[in-house]
Amino acid sequence: QVQLVESGGGLVQPGGSLRLSCAASGSFNSIYVMGWYRQAPGKQRDLVASITSDGATIYADSVKGRFTISGDNAKNTVYLQTNSLKPEDTAVYYCNLIIRARVYWGQGTQVTVSS
């Protein structure tokens, strides 16, 4: 059973930065996709960014140029560097893993951008 453990959320002022981490248990010898989604109160959960095991990335238009996703295959860990944060980035951020046609979710980490 795969488990995803997120860390790095918190309260930050507008314009600030946070680095989110997601560590996946187990070893993977298949192609996989890891990503970050976010869900604000009363809204649907949307993709923020994703990265494949061979390094291909996708970003939501709203975060392009501000957020960077990266991965460490040796550690089964994915990072989301968030810069120039805005109040509208406030949400619970969830880590996601898709491997061998199965989907796994982390428990979520709160990011609050407020002065």
Protein backbone atom coordinates (compact mmCIF):
# COMPACT_ATOMS: atom_id res chain seq x y z
CA GLN A 1 0.00 0.00 0.00
CA VAL A 2 1.39 3.36 -1.02
CA GLN A 3 1.25 6.25 1.43
CA LEU A 4 1.88 9.90 0.67
CA VAL A 5 3.09 12.24 3.40
CA GLU A 6 2.98 15.99 2.76
CA SER A 7 4.73 18.78 4.60
CA GLY A 8 5.62 22.44 4.22
CA GLY A 9 2.29 24.24 4.35
CA GLY A 10 1.63 27.23 6.56
CA LEU A 11 0.75 30.90 6.79
CA VAL A 12 2.63 33.32 4.57
CA GLN A 13 2.22 36.95 3.57
CA PRO A 14 1.38 37.92 0.00
CA GLY A 15 4.52 37.82 -2.12
CA GLY A 16 6.08 35.18 0.09
CA SER A 17 7.21 31.64 -0.65
CA LEU A 18 6.69 28.13 0.64
CA ARG A 19 8.17 24.79 -0.35
CA LEU A 20 5.82 21.82 -0.17
CA SER A 21 7.15 18.27 -0.03
CA CYS A 22 5.45 14.94 -0.63
CA ALA A 23 7.18 11.67 0.16
CA ALA A 24 5.78 8.41 -1.17
CA SER A 25 6.41 5.13 0.61
CA GLY A 26 7.50 2.08 -1.34
CA SER A 27 9.64 1.66 -4.42
CA PHE A 28 8.40 2.26 -7.90
CA ASN A 29 9.65 0.47 -10.97
CA SER A 30 6.90 1.71 -13.26
CA ILE A 31 6.20 4.97 -15.01
CA TYR A 32 4.29 7.24 -12.66
CA VAL A 33 2.92 10.74 -12.33
CA MET A 34 3.09 12.76 -9.14
CA GLY A 35 1.36 16.05 -8.72
CA TRP A 36 -0.17 18.70 -6.53
CA TYR A 37 -3.83 19.64 -6.48
CA ARG A 38 -5.52 22.29 -4.39
CA GLN A 39 -8.99 22.87 -3.07
CA ALA A 40 -10.29 26.13 -1.66
CA PRO A 41 -13.46 26.23 0.48
CA GLY A 42 -16.56 25.73 -1.65
CA LYS A 43 -14.54 24.99 -4.78
CA GLN A 44 -13.52 21.88 -6.66
CA ARG A 45 -10.10 20.28 -6.38
CA ASP A 46 -7.94 21.45 -9.28
CA LEU A 47 -4.56 20.44 -10.65
CA VAL A 48 -1.73 22.82 -9.76
CA ALA A 49 1.23 20.99 -11.29
CA SER A 50 2.40 17.49 -12.10
CA ILE A 51 5.60 15.71 -13.04
CA THR A 52 6.18 12.31 -14.62
CA SER A 53 8.89 9.86 -13.62
CA ASP A 54 10.90 10.98 -16.67
CA GLY A 55 10.62 14.66 -15.75
CA ALA A 56 7.83 16.03 -17.95
CA THR A 57 5.87 18.78 -16.20
CA ILE A 58 2.46 20.43 -16.49
CA TYR A 59 1.29 23.61 -14.75
CA ALA A 60 -2.03 25.31 -14.28
CA ASP A 61 -2.10 28.66 -16.07
CA SER A 62 -2.70 30.46 -12.76
CA VAL A 63 0.66 29.34 -11.34
CA LYS A 64 2.94 29.38 -14.38
CA GLY A 65 6.04 31.42 -13.71
CA ARG A 66 5.45 31.37 -9.94
CA PHE A 67 5.43 27.69 -8.96
CA THR A 68 7.98 25.01 -9.81
CA ILE A 69 7.48 21.28 -9.41
CA SER A 70 10.46 18.95 -9.13
CA GLY A 71 11.07 15.36 -8.18
CA ASP A 72 13.71 13.17 -6.62
CA ASN A 73 13.21 9.63 -7.95
CA ALA A 74 15.74 8.18 -5.52
CA LYS A 75 13.68 9.48 -2.58
CA ASN A 76 10.24 9.03 -4.20
CA THR A 77 9.64 12.66 -3.28
CA VAL A 78 8.09 15.54 -5.18
CA TYR A 79 8.46 19.21 -4.29
CA LEU A 80 6.41 22.27 -5.10
CA GLN A 81 8.26 25.56 -4.78
CA THR A 82 5.67 28.32 -4.52
CA ASN A 83 6.82 31.91 -5.04
CA SER A 84 5.04 35.27 -5.31
CA LEU A 85 2.09 33.82 -3.42
CA LYS A 86 -1.26 35.53 -3.69
CA PRO A 87 -4.32 35.39 -1.41
CA GLU A 88 -6.10 33.40 -4.11
CA ASP A 89 -3.50 30.65 -3.69
CA THR A 90 -5.01 29.92 -0.27
CA ALA A 91 -6.23 26.32 -0.24
CA VAL A 92 -5.56 22.83 1.01
CA TYR A 93 -2.86 21.36 -1.20
CA TYR A 94 -3.03 17.63 -1.86
CA CYS A 95 -0.29 15.38 -3.20
CA ASN A 96 -1.34 12.87 -5.84
CA LEU A 97 0.31 9.78 -7.27
CA ILE A 98 -0.85 7.81 -10.31
CA ILE A 99 0.93 4.51 -10.87
CA ARG A 100 -0.15 1.27 -12.53
CA ALA A 101 -3.63 2.72 -13.12
CA ARG A 102 -4.16 3.40 -9.41
CA VAL A 103 -4.56 6.80 -7.79
CA TYR A 104 -3.32 7.74 -4.34
CA TRP A 105 -3.87 10.94 -2.33
CA GLY A 106 -2.11 12.53 0.59
CA GLN A 107 -3.93 13.95 3.58
CA GLY A 108 -3.46 17.55 2.47
CA THR A 109 -1.54 20.52 3.81
CA GLN A 110 -3.03 23.97 4.37
CA VAL A 111 -1.51 26.98 2.62
CA THR A 112 -2.84 30.35 3.76
CA VAL A 113 -1.71 33.57 2.10
CA SER A 114 -2.75 36.56 4.16
CA SER A 115 -1.37 39.78 5.57
